[in-house]
Amino acid sequence: MTVALVAEGLMTPAAKQMVDELRRAPGWDEFKPGDSRYFKSADEDLTRFCRGPAGDLSLVGDWADAWRERHPETGPLHFVDTPLDGDGSRKAMEEACGDGCILSKLDQEIGVLQDRGADRTRRLEALLWVVHLVGDVHQPLHCSDHGDKGGNEVPVVLAGRDGNLHSAWDTGFFYVERARPADLAADLLAHECKEVGRPGRVGPESPWLWAKESFGVAKKFVYPQVERNRGDFTRGQVDLAWPVARMQLARAGVRLAAVLNGAAGN
C-alpha cells in the first residue's frame, strides 16, 4: 500500500488517466480474489478501486497476496530464492527462477501493461500484478534465500513477540514504527525518494537489476544483522533496520511510478 501511494505521488497526468481507464475495464469482477482470513475485505477493495469515484492504487496493493490464497499455484511468482552464498548474478537468479518466479512474471506483466494495443481487461490484470510485485521485488527476503525459505524459517523476537525474519521485514517493523501507509508515503516522498533519483526507462532488464540490488541488501545487511543480534530485535535493532526498509520502499515507489508513466507513454 505504501509503495502504491508513493507511486501515485509521482505519476504523470497521462499515467493517472491510464489507470482510471483500465480500472473501468469490462470483466474486472473476474479478478475478485475472494475474501480470506488475512485479506478480509479483498473483494470490497477491488470493487472500490474499479467502481469507486477515484482509483486509489493502495486499495489493490495486496491484491496478488489475496489472489494467491485462492490460487496457490501463483505463490512462486512472488519471489526468487537466489542462494545467499552466491554472487546474485543474472545466471544465479535465472537458475533460482526455474519455471517461473517474480522476475519472469514482472517481465511478462510489464510487457502487457506497456502494450497499449492489448485487451483492456488483460491490461487491468497486468496492472494488479505490477503494483504488487514491484513492491515485492524490493523486499530483500523476496530475492534471497539462505536455505530458510527467504527468512521464513529464521525465528526472531520483535517487540516482545515471536515471529520470523521474513515477516519482520514484510510487516513487523511497520507495526513497531506505527507507520501508516499514507503518512509514511508522504514522508518518503519528501525525503528518501529524492535520494533515489530518476530511474530512466524501464526495460526487460529492470526487474533483474532491482532484484540484484535487493539481494545485495539481504547479503550485506539483513542476514549479517540477524546473525549479530541472534534474532532479538530490540528497539535499537529496529532503529538500524528501519532506514534500510524505508529506502527500499522509496525505490519501489519511484520505480513503480516509472513503470506506469512509461506504460502511459511518458
Foldseek 3Di string as FASTA:
>chain_A
DLLLLLLVVVADPLLQVLQLVLLQAPPQLVLQQDADDVRNCSNVLSCCQSPNPGHRLVSLLCSVVSNCVVVVVCVQLLAFAQELPDLLDPVSSVVSQPPHHVLVLLLVLLVQLLPPVDRSNSVSVSSSSLSHNLLSLLQLLRLHHHPQNSFQNQWAAAPNDIGTLSVCLVPVLCVVVVPDSVVLSVVCSVPLLVVLDQPPADDSCVSSVSNSVSSCCCNVPSVVLCVVVVRYCDPVNSVVCVVVSSNSSSNSSNVSSNSSNVSSPD
